[in-house]
Amino acid sequence: MFNLDQDIPEPLRPLAWLIGRWEGAGVVGYPTIEEANFGQEIEVTHDGRGFLKWESRAWILDKETGERARPAAVESGFWRPLEGGEVELLLVHPTGILELYYGTMEPAKIQLKTDGVLRAPGAKEYNAATRMYGLVESQLFWVMDMAAVGQELQSHVSARLKRVE
């Protein structure tokens, strides 16, 4: 059961369903990597100001045992609601990539596309992405398409997570 924090600022209320700690699993694949299952934890918090803090970490799961095999993606960032049902997501990755997503939010659904991507000199080629987040039967579903390393925009990752806090 999700309870809305009554202290949350009004502009954050359309994103309030994201607040909490989520755990689950998904599938990652791309023409340049082998498809794999992964586990993920996401924590979304707020401190009373007009943004949400986003922390995500993932790990590749062993094909045989389903146990954690090795670390995978880590990202940190901020959700910033805008007027008119629009939203920004700013993300930073330890691989030297910074992303600015821009999109729309509806009740329990967010659609985003990159408005800007910055890469450190040693980062892999990464050009654009889209993400969609949705709350379905109290679970967080998300998908990401990516254009990188000479490939056109295409499916890259998807996951389903349950709220644990």
N, C-alpha and C. Protein backbone atom coordinates (compact mmCIF):
# COMPACT_ATOMS: atom_id res chain seq x y z
N MET A 1 0.85 -1.18 0.00
CA MET A 1 0.00 0.00 0.00
C MET A 1 0.89 1.23 0.00
N PHE A 2 0.56 2.20 -0.81
CA PHE A 2 1.31 3.44 -0.92
C PHE A 2 0.53 4.56 -0.26
N ASN A 3 1.18 5.28 0.65
CA ASN A 3 0.57 6.42 1.31
C ASN A 3 1.30 7.69 0.90
N LEU A 4 0.56 8.68 0.43
CA LEU A 4 1.14 9.95 0.03
C LEU A 4 1.61 10.73 1.25
N ASP A 5 2.87 11.12 1.23
CA ASP A 5 3.43 11.96 2.28
C ASP A 5 2.75 13.33 2.19
N GLN A 6 2.06 13.73 3.24
CA GLN A 6 1.30 14.98 3.23
C GLN A 6 2.21 16.22 3.19
N ASP A 7 3.50 16.05 3.48
CA ASP A 7 4.44 17.17 3.45
C ASP A 7 5.08 17.38 2.08
N ILE A 8 4.75 16.54 1.12
CA ILE A 8 5.37 16.67 -0.20
C ILE A 8 4.87 17.94 -0.88
N PRO A 9 5.79 18.71 -1.47
CA PRO A 9 5.36 19.93 -2.18
C PRO A 9 4.39 19.61 -3.32
N GLU A 10 3.45 20.48 -3.55
CA GLU A 10 2.43 20.28 -4.57
C GLU A 10 3.02 19.91 -5.94
N PRO A 11 4.08 20.58 -6.44
CA PRO A 11 4.60 20.22 -7.76
C PRO A 11 5.11 18.77 -7.86
N LEU A 12 5.48 18.17 -6.73
CA LEU A 12 5.99 16.80 -6.75
C LEU A 12 4.88 15.74 -6.71
N ARG A 13 3.68 16.12 -6.41
CA ARG A 13 2.61 15.13 -6.23
C ARG A 13 2.39 14.22 -7.44
N PRO A 14 2.51 14.71 -8.69
CA PRO A 14 2.35 13.77 -9.81
C PRO A 14 3.44 12.70 -9.88
N LEU A 15 4.58 12.94 -9.21
CA LEU A 15 5.67 11.97 -9.18
C LEU A 15 5.74 11.18 -7.88
N ALA A 16 4.84 11.46 -6.94
CA ALA A 16 4.91 10.88 -5.61
C ALA A 16 4.88 9.35 -5.62
N TRP A 17 4.27 8.74 -6.63
CA TRP A 17 4.20 7.29 -6.70
C TRP A 17 5.58 6.66 -6.86
N LEU A 18 6.58 7.43 -7.28
CA LEU A 18 7.95 6.92 -7.41
C LEU A 18 8.67 6.81 -6.07
N ILE A 19 8.24 7.58 -5.08
CA ILE A 19 8.96 7.66 -3.81
C ILE A 19 8.94 6.32 -3.10
N GLY A 20 10.12 5.89 -2.66
CA GLY A 20 10.24 4.64 -1.92
C GLY A 20 11.47 3.87 -2.38
N ARG A 21 11.57 2.66 -1.89
CA ARG A 21 12.65 1.76 -2.29
C ARG A 21 12.03 0.62 -3.08
N TRP A 22 12.62 0.33 -4.22
CA TRP A 22 12.10 -0.67 -5.14
C TRP A 22 13.18 -1.74 -5.38
N GLU A 23 12.76 -2.98 -5.56
CA GLU A 23 13.67 -4.07 -5.90
C GLU A 23 13.01 -4.96 -6.94
N GLY A 24 13.84 -5.48 -7.85
CA GLY A 24 13.30 -6.37 -8.85
C GLY A 24 14.35 -6.85 -9.81
N ALA A 25 13.91 -7.25 -10.98
CA ALA A 25 14.81 -7.82 -11.98
C ALA A 25 14.35 -7.44 -13.38
N GLY A 26 15.25 -7.63 -14.32
CA GLY A 26 14.95 -7.31 -15.70
C GLY A 26 15.91 -8.00 -16.65
N VAL A 27 15.85 -7.55 -17.90
CA VAL A 27 16.69 -8.11 -18.97
C VAL A 27 17.40 -6.96 -19.65
N VAL A 28 18.69 -7.15 -19.92
CA VAL A 28 19.49 -6.17 -20.66
C VAL A 28 20.07 -6.87 -21.88
N GLY A 29 20.09 -6.15 -22.99
CA GLY A 29 20.67 -6.69 -24.21
C GLY A 29 20.88 -5.57 -25.21
N TYR A 30 21.73 -5.82 -26.17
CA TYR A 30 22.03 -4.84 -27.22
C TYR A 30 22.87 -5.58 -28.24
N PRO A 31 22.91 -5.13 -29.48
CA PRO A 31 23.71 -5.86 -30.47
C PRO A 31 25.19 -6.01 -30.09
N THR A 32 25.69 -5.13 -29.24
CA THR A 32 27.12 -5.17 -28.89
C THR A 32 27.40 -5.90 -27.57
N ILE A 33 26.34 -6.41 -26.89
CA ILE A 33 26.55 -7.14 -25.64
C ILE A 33 25.66 -8.38 -25.62
N GLU A 34 26.05 -9.36 -24.82
CA GLU A 34 25.24 -10.56 -24.66
C GLU A 34 24.04 -10.26 -23.76
N GLU A 35 22.88 -10.78 -24.12
CA GLU A 35 21.69 -10.59 -23.28
C GLU A 35 21.89 -11.25 -21.93
N ALA A 36 21.40 -10.59 -20.87
CA ALA A 36 21.56 -11.12 -19.51
C ALA A 36 20.40 -10.66 -18.64
N ASN A 37 20.14 -11.41 -17.59
CA ASN A 37 19.19 -10.99 -16.56
C ASN A 37 19.96 -10.18 -15.53
N PHE A 38 19.27 -9.22 -14.93
CA PHE A 38 19.92 -8.39 -13.92
C PHE A 38 18.95 -8.14 -12.78
N GLY A 39 19.52 -7.84 -11.61
CA GLY A 39 18.75 -7.40 -10.46
C GLY A 39 18.95 -5.91 -10.29
N GLN A 40 18.00 -5.26 -9.63
CA GLN A 40 18.09 -3.80 -9.50
C GLN A 40 17.44 -3.34 -8.21
N GLU A 41 18.03 -2.31 -7.63
CA GLU A 41 17.45 -1.59 -6.50
C GLU A 41 17.40 -0.12 -6.87
N ILE A 42 16.27 0.51 -6.61
CA ILE A 42 16.10 1.95 -6.85
C ILE A 42 15.58 2.56 -5.56
N GLU A 43 16.14 3.71 -5.20
CA GLU A 43 15.62 4.45 -4.06
C GLU A 43 15.32 5.87 -4.52
N VAL A 44 14.08 6.29 -4.27
CA VAL A 44 13.62 7.63 -4.64
C VAL A 44 13.18 8.33 -3.36
N THR A 45 13.78 9.50 -3.11
CA THR A 45 13.51 10.24 -1.86
C THR A 45 13.26 11.70 -2.17
N HIS A 46 12.76 12.42 -1.15
CA HIS A 46 12.63 13.87 -1.26
C HIS A 46 12.94 14.47 0.10
N ASP A 47 13.36 15.72 0.09
CA ASP A 47 13.70 16.41 1.34
C ASP A 47 12.86 17.66 1.56
N GLY A 48 11.72 17.73 0.87
CA GLY A 48 10.82 18.87 1.03
C GLY A 48 10.99 19.94 -0.04
N ARG A 49 12.07 19.85 -0.81
CA ARG A 49 12.25 20.80 -1.91
C ARG A 49 11.57 20.25 -3.16
N GLY A 50 11.60 20.99 -4.25
CA GLY A 50 10.83 20.66 -5.45
C GLY A 50 11.47 19.68 -6.40
N PHE A 51 12.14 18.65 -5.91
CA PHE A 51 12.74 17.62 -6.75
C PHE A 51 12.75 16.30 -5.99
N LEU A 52 12.89 15.22 -6.72
CA LEU A 52 13.09 13.90 -6.13
C LEU A 52 14.52 13.45 -6.40
N LYS A 53 15.14 12.82 -5.43
CA LYS A 53 16.48 12.26 -5.61
C LYS A 53 16.34 10.81 -6.05
N TRP A 54 17.13 10.40 -7.05
CA TRP A 54 17.06 9.07 -7.66
C TRP A 54 18.41 8.38 -7.49
N GLU A 55 18.41 7.17 -6.96
CA GLU A 55 19.61 6.35 -6.84
C GLU A 55 19.26 4.95 -7.34
N SER A 56 20.04 4.44 -8.30
CA SER A 56 19.79 3.12 -8.84
C SER A 56 21.10 2.35 -8.94
N ARG A 57 21.02 1.07 -8.61
CA ARG A 57 22.17 0.20 -8.83
C ARG A 57 21.66 -1.14 -9.32
N ALA A 58 22.46 -1.76 -10.17
CA ALA A 58 22.06 -3.03 -10.77
C ALA A 58 23.26 -3.98 -10.82
N TRP A 59 22.96 -5.25 -10.95
CA TRP A 59 24.01 -6.26 -11.02
C TRP A 59 23.53 -7.36 -11.96
N ILE A 60 24.48 -7.98 -12.66
CA ILE A 60 24.18 -9.09 -13.55
C ILE A 60 23.96 -10.33 -12.69
N LEU A 61 22.94 -11.13 -13.07
CA LEU A 61 22.62 -12.37 -12.34
C LEU A 61 23.26 -13.57 -13.04
N ASP A 62 23.75 -14.49 -12.25
CA ASP A 62 24.33 -15.72 -12.77
C ASP A 62 23.24 -16.51 -13.51
N LYS A 63 23.57 -17.01 -14.70
CA LYS A 63 22.59 -17.73 -15.52
C LYS A 63 22.09 -19.01 -14.86
N GLU A 64 22.94 -19.66 -14.10
CA GLU A 64 22.57 -20.93 -13.49
C GLU A 64 21.84 -20.76 -12.15
N THR A 65 22.38 -19.90 -11.29
CA THR A 65 21.87 -19.81 -9.92
C THR A 65 20.92 -18.65 -9.68
N GLY A 66 20.97 -17.64 -10.54
CA GLY A 66 20.17 -16.44 -10.33
C GLY A 66 20.75 -15.52 -9.27
N GLU A 67 21.90 -15.87 -8.72
CA GLU A 67 22.57 -15.05 -7.70
C GLU A 67 23.35 -13.92 -8.37
N ARG A 68 23.70 -12.91 -7.57
CA ARG A 68 24.50 -11.79 -8.08
C ARG A 68 25.85 -12.29 -8.60
N ALA A 69 26.14 -11.99 -9.85
CA ALA A 69 27.41 -12.42 -10.45
C ALA A 69 28.44 -11.30 -10.45
N ARG A 70 28.00 -10.08 -10.82
CA ARG A 70 28.93 -8.95 -10.86
C ARG A 70 28.14 -7.65 -10.92
N PRO A 71 28.76 -6.55 -10.47
CA PRO A 71 28.08 -5.25 -10.55
C PRO A 71 27.80 -4.86 -12.00
N ALA A 72 26.75 -4.09 -12.19
CA ALA A 72 26.41 -3.58 -13.53
C ALA A 72 26.26 -2.06 -13.43
N ALA A 73 25.13 -1.54 -13.82
CA ALA A 73 24.93 -0.09 -13.91
C ALA A 73 24.68 0.55 -12.54
N VAL A 74 25.16 1.79 -12.43
CA VAL A 74 24.89 2.65 -11.29
C VAL A 74 24.52 4.01 -11.86
N GLU A 75 23.48 4.63 -11.33
CA GLU A 75 23.13 5.98 -11.77
C GLU A 75 22.54 6.76 -10.61
N SER A 76 22.81 8.05 -10.61
CA SER A 76 22.28 8.97 -9.60
C SER A 76 21.70 10.17 -10.32
N GLY A 77 20.66 10.75 -9.72
CA GLY A 77 20.12 11.92 -10.39
C GLY A 77 18.95 12.53 -9.65
N PHE A 78 18.22 13.35 -10.42
CA PHE A 78 17.11 14.13 -9.86
C PHE A 78 15.97 14.22 -10.86
N TRP A 79 14.76 14.03 -10.34
CA TRP A 79 13.53 14.28 -11.09
C TRP A 79 13.09 15.70 -10.77
N ARG A 80 12.76 16.49 -11.80
CA ARG A 80 12.33 17.87 -11.63
C ARG A 80 11.02 18.08 -12.38
N PRO A 81 9.90 18.17 -11.66
CA PRO A 81 8.63 18.41 -12.34
C PRO A 81 8.56 19.84 -12.86
N LEU A 82 7.93 20.00 -14.01
CA LEU A 82 7.74 21.31 -14.63
C LEU A 82 6.25 21.56 -14.76
N GLU A 83 5.90 22.75 -15.17
CA GLU A 83 4.48 23.06 -15.37
C GLU A 83 3.92 22.32 -16.58
N GLY A 84 2.62 22.15 -16.59
CA GLY A 84 1.94 21.57 -17.75
C GLY A 84 2.16 20.08 -17.92
N GLY A 85 2.48 19.35 -16.85
CA GLY A 85 2.65 17.91 -16.95
C GLY A 85 3.96 17.47 -17.55
N GLU A 86 4.94 18.37 -17.58
CA GLU A 86 6.25 18.02 -18.12
C GLU A 86 7.22 17.75 -16.97
N VAL A 87 8.30 17.03 -17.29
CA VAL A 87 9.25 16.61 -16.26
C VAL A 87 10.66 16.49 -16.87
N GLU A 88 11.66 16.71 -16.03
CA GLU A 88 13.06 16.50 -16.40
C GLU A 88 13.64 15.42 -15.49
N LEU A 89 14.55 14.63 -16.04
CA LEU A 89 15.33 13.67 -15.26
C LEU A 89 16.79 13.90 -15.61
N LEU A 90 17.59 14.25 -14.61
CA LEU A 90 19.02 14.46 -14.79
C LEU A 90 19.74 13.27 -14.18
N LEU A 91 20.60 12.60 -14.96
CA LEU A 91 21.30 11.41 -14.49
C LEU A 91 22.79 11.52 -14.74
N VAL A 92 23.57 10.98 -13.82
CA VAL A 92 25.01 10.89 -13.98
C VAL A 92 25.41 9.43 -13.75
N HIS A 93 26.37 8.96 -14.54
CA HIS A 93 26.84 7.58 -14.49
C HIS A 93 28.35 7.57 -14.25
N PRO A 94 28.87 6.60 -13.50
CA PRO A 94 30.31 6.56 -13.26
C PRO A 94 31.13 6.20 -14.49
N THR A 95 30.46 5.90 -15.59
CA THR A 95 31.14 5.59 -16.85
C THR A 95 31.51 6.85 -17.63
N GLY A 96 31.21 8.03 -17.05
CA GLY A 96 31.56 9.29 -17.71
C GLY A 96 30.46 9.85 -18.57
N ILE A 97 29.23 9.44 -18.34
CA ILE A 97 28.10 9.92 -19.13
C ILE A 97 27.13 10.68 -18.23
N LEU A 98 26.67 11.84 -18.74
CA LEU A 98 25.63 12.62 -18.07
C LEU A 98 24.48 12.77 -19.06
N GLU A 99 23.25 12.58 -18.56
CA GLU A 99 22.07 12.66 -19.42
C GLU A 99 21.07 13.65 -18.87
N LEU A 100 20.39 14.36 -19.76
CA LEU A 100 19.25 15.18 -19.41
C LEU A 100 18.08 14.66 -20.24
N TYR A 101 17.10 14.11 -19.54
CA TYR A 101 15.87 13.63 -20.17
C TYR A 101 14.79 14.67 -19.97
N TYR A 102 13.89 14.74 -20.95
CA TYR A 102 12.76 15.66 -20.91
C TYR A 102 11.55 14.89 -21.41
N GLY A 103 10.40 15.10 -20.76
CA GLY A 103 9.22 14.39 -21.23
C GLY A 103 7.97 14.79 -20.50
N THR A 104 7.02 13.87 -20.52
CA THR A 104 5.70 14.13 -19.95
C THR A 104 5.38 13.13 -18.85
N MET A 105 4.56 13.61 -17.90
CA MET A 105 4.10 12.73 -16.84
C MET A 105 2.58 12.76 -16.81
N GLU A 106 2.02 11.58 -16.67
CA GLU A 106 0.59 11.39 -16.51
C GLU A 106 0.42 10.62 -15.21
N PRO A 107 -0.79 10.42 -14.75
CA PRO A 107 -0.94 9.59 -13.56
C PRO A 107 -0.29 8.22 -13.77
N ALA A 108 0.74 7.93 -12.98
CA ALA A 108 1.44 6.65 -12.96
C ALA A 108 2.12 6.29 -14.28
N LYS A 109 2.48 7.28 -15.11
CA LYS A 109 3.20 7.01 -16.36
C LYS A 109 4.07 8.21 -16.70
N ILE A 110 5.34 7.91 -17.06
CA ILE A 110 6.28 8.95 -17.45
C ILE A 110 6.97 8.52 -18.73
N GLN A 111 6.99 9.40 -19.73
CA GLN A 111 7.68 9.13 -20.99
C GLN A 111 8.75 10.20 -21.18
N LEU A 112 9.98 9.75 -21.47
CA LEU A 112 11.12 10.65 -21.56
C LEU A 112 11.97 10.35 -22.78
N LYS A 113 12.68 11.39 -23.25
CA LYS A 113 13.73 11.19 -24.26
C LYS A 113 14.87 12.13 -23.90
N THR A 114 16.05 11.77 -24.32
CA THR A 114 17.19 12.61 -24.00
C THR A 114 17.09 13.94 -24.75
N ASP A 115 17.35 14.99 -24.01
CA ASP A 115 17.44 16.33 -24.57
C ASP A 115 18.92 16.71 -24.72
N GLY A 116 19.77 16.02 -23.96
CA GLY A 116 21.19 16.27 -24.03
C GLY A 116 21.97 15.11 -23.42
N VAL A 117 23.12 14.81 -24.01
CA VAL A 117 24.02 13.79 -23.50
C VAL A 117 25.43 14.38 -23.53
N LEU A 118 26.12 14.28 -22.40
CA LEU A 118 27.53 14.69 -22.32
C LEU A 118 28.35 13.46 -22.01
N ARG A 119 29.52 13.36 -22.69
CA ARG A 119 30.41 12.23 -22.47
C ARG A 119 31.80 12.74 -22.11
N ALA A 120 32.39 12.10 -21.13
CA ALA A 120 33.79 12.37 -20.81
C ALA A 120 34.65 11.83 -21.95
N PRO A 121 35.87 12.33 -22.11
CA PRO A 121 36.71 11.86 -23.22
C PRO A 121 36.90 10.35 -23.28
N GLY A 122 36.93 9.68 -22.14
CA GLY A 122 37.13 8.23 -22.14
C GLY A 122 35.86 7.40 -22.17
N ALA A 123 34.70 8.05 -22.23
CA ALA A 123 33.43 7.32 -22.22
C ALA A 123 33.13 6.72 -23.59
N LYS A 124 32.36 5.62 -23.59
CA LYS A 124 31.94 5.00 -24.85
C LYS A 124 30.99 5.93 -25.59
N GLU A 125 30.90 5.72 -26.90
CA GLU A 125 29.95 6.50 -27.70
C GLU A 125 28.53 6.22 -27.22
N TYR A 126 27.81 7.28 -26.94
CA TYR A 126 26.43 7.19 -26.47
C TYR A 126 25.73 8.44 -26.97
N ASN A 127 24.63 8.27 -27.73
CA ASN A 127 24.05 9.41 -28.42
C ASN A 127 22.65 9.82 -27.97
N ALA A 128 21.80 8.87 -27.64
CA ALA A 128 20.41 9.21 -27.30
C ALA A 128 19.74 8.03 -26.63
N ALA A 129 18.63 8.34 -25.93
CA ALA A 129 17.85 7.28 -25.29
C ALA A 129 16.43 7.75 -25.05
N THR A 130 15.56 6.80 -24.86
CA THR A 130 14.20 7.06 -24.40
C THR A 130 13.97 6.15 -23.20
N ARG A 131 13.12 6.61 -22.30
CA ARG A 131 12.73 5.80 -21.14
C ARG A 131 11.24 5.98 -20.92
N MET A 132 10.63 4.91 -20.43
CA MET A 132 9.24 4.98 -20.00
C MET A 132 9.13 4.27 -18.66
N TYR A 133 8.48 4.92 -17.70
CA TYR A 133 8.23 4.37 -16.38
C TYR A 133 6.73 4.32 -16.16
N GLY A 134 6.26 3.25 -15.55
CA GLY A 134 4.85 3.14 -15.27
C GLY A 134 4.58 2.35 -14.00
N LEU A 135 3.52 2.69 -13.34
CA LEU A 135 3.07 1.96 -12.15
C LEU A 135 1.89 1.10 -12.57
N VAL A 136 2.07 -0.23 -12.52
CA VAL A 136 1.05 -1.17 -12.94
C VAL A 136 0.84 -2.17 -11.81
N GLU A 137 -0.37 -2.20 -11.26
CA GLU A 137 -0.69 -3.11 -10.16
C GLU A 137 0.36 -3.02 -9.05
N SER A 138 0.69 -1.79 -8.66
CA SER A 138 1.63 -1.47 -7.58
C SER A 138 3.07 -1.86 -7.87
N GLN A 139 3.40 -2.16 -9.11
CA GLN A 139 4.78 -2.48 -9.49
C GLN A 139 5.31 -1.42 -10.44
N LEU A 140 6.60 -1.15 -10.33
CA LEU A 140 7.27 -0.20 -11.21
C LEU A 140 7.83 -0.96 -12.41
N PHE A 141 7.29 -0.64 -13.58
CA PHE A 141 7.79 -1.18 -14.83
C PHE A 141 8.56 -0.07 -15.54
N TRP A 142 9.69 -0.42 -16.17
CA TRP A 142 10.39 0.59 -16.95
C TRP A 142 11.11 -0.06 -18.12
N VAL A 143 11.25 0.70 -19.20
CA VAL A 143 11.96 0.26 -20.39
C VAL A 143 12.85 1.39 -20.89
N MET A 144 13.92 1.01 -21.57
CA MET A 144 14.84 2.00 -22.13
C MET A 144 15.28 1.54 -23.51
N ASP A 145 15.21 2.44 -24.47
CA ASP A 145 15.80 2.26 -25.79
C ASP A 145 17.03 3.14 -25.85
N MET A 146 18.06 2.73 -26.61
CA MET A 146 19.31 3.46 -26.62
C MET A 146 19.91 3.47 -28.02
N ALA A 147 20.60 4.58 -28.35
CA ALA A 147 21.42 4.69 -29.56
C ALA A 147 22.86 4.91 -29.10
N ALA A 148 23.72 3.92 -29.37
CA ALA A 148 25.10 3.99 -28.88
C ALA A 148 26.00 3.10 -29.74
N VAL A 149 27.29 3.30 -29.59
CA VAL A 149 28.34 2.52 -30.27
C VAL A 149 27.97 2.13 -31.71
N GLY A 150 27.56 3.13 -32.49
CA GLY A 150 27.25 2.91 -33.90
C GLY A 150 25.89 2.30 -34.19
N GLN A 151 25.07 2.08 -33.18
CA GLN A 151 23.76 1.45 -33.36
C GLN A 151 22.65 2.50 -33.34
N GLU A 152 21.58 2.24 -34.09
CA GLU A 152 20.40 3.08 -34.07
C GLU A 152 19.64 2.90 -32.77
N LEU A 153 18.73 3.81 -32.47
CA LEU A 153 17.88 3.72 -31.28
C LEU A 153 17.10 2.40 -31.32
N GLN A 154 17.26 1.59 -30.26
CA GLN A 154 16.59 0.29 -30.18
C GLN A 154 16.54 -0.19 -28.74
N SER A 155 15.77 -1.24 -28.50
CA SER A 155 15.57 -1.77 -27.16
C SER A 155 16.90 -2.12 -26.50
N HIS A 156 17.02 -1.75 -25.21
CA HIS A 156 18.25 -2.02 -24.47
C HIS A 156 17.97 -2.71 -23.14
N VAL A 157 17.00 -2.23 -22.37
CA VAL A 157 16.78 -2.77 -21.04
C VAL A 157 15.31 -2.62 -20.64
N SER A 158 14.84 -3.56 -19.83
CA SER A 158 13.51 -3.46 -19.25
C SER A 158 13.52 -4.17 -17.90
N ALA A 159 12.66 -3.71 -16.99
CA ALA A 159 12.63 -4.31 -15.65
C ALA A 159 11.27 -4.12 -15.01
N ARG A 160 11.05 -4.93 -13.99
CA ARG A 160 9.85 -4.86 -13.16
C ARG A 160 10.30 -4.92 -11.72
N LEU A 161 9.88 -3.94 -10.91
CA LEU A 161 10.31 -3.85 -9.51
C LEU A 161 9.11 -3.73 -8.59
N LYS A 162 9.28 -4.23 -7.36
CA LYS A 162 8.25 -4.12 -6.33
C LYS A 162 8.71 -3.14 -5.27
N ARG A 163 7.76 -2.39 -4.74
CA ARG A 163 8.06 -1.47 -3.63
C ARG A 163 8.34 -2.30 -2.38
N VAL A 164 9.50 -2.04 -1.74
CA VAL A 164 9.85 -2.74 -0.51
C VAL A 164 9.83 -1.82 0.70
N GLU A 165 9.77 -0.54 0.48
CA GLU A 165 9.65 0.47 1.56
C GLU A 165 8.90 1.65 1.03
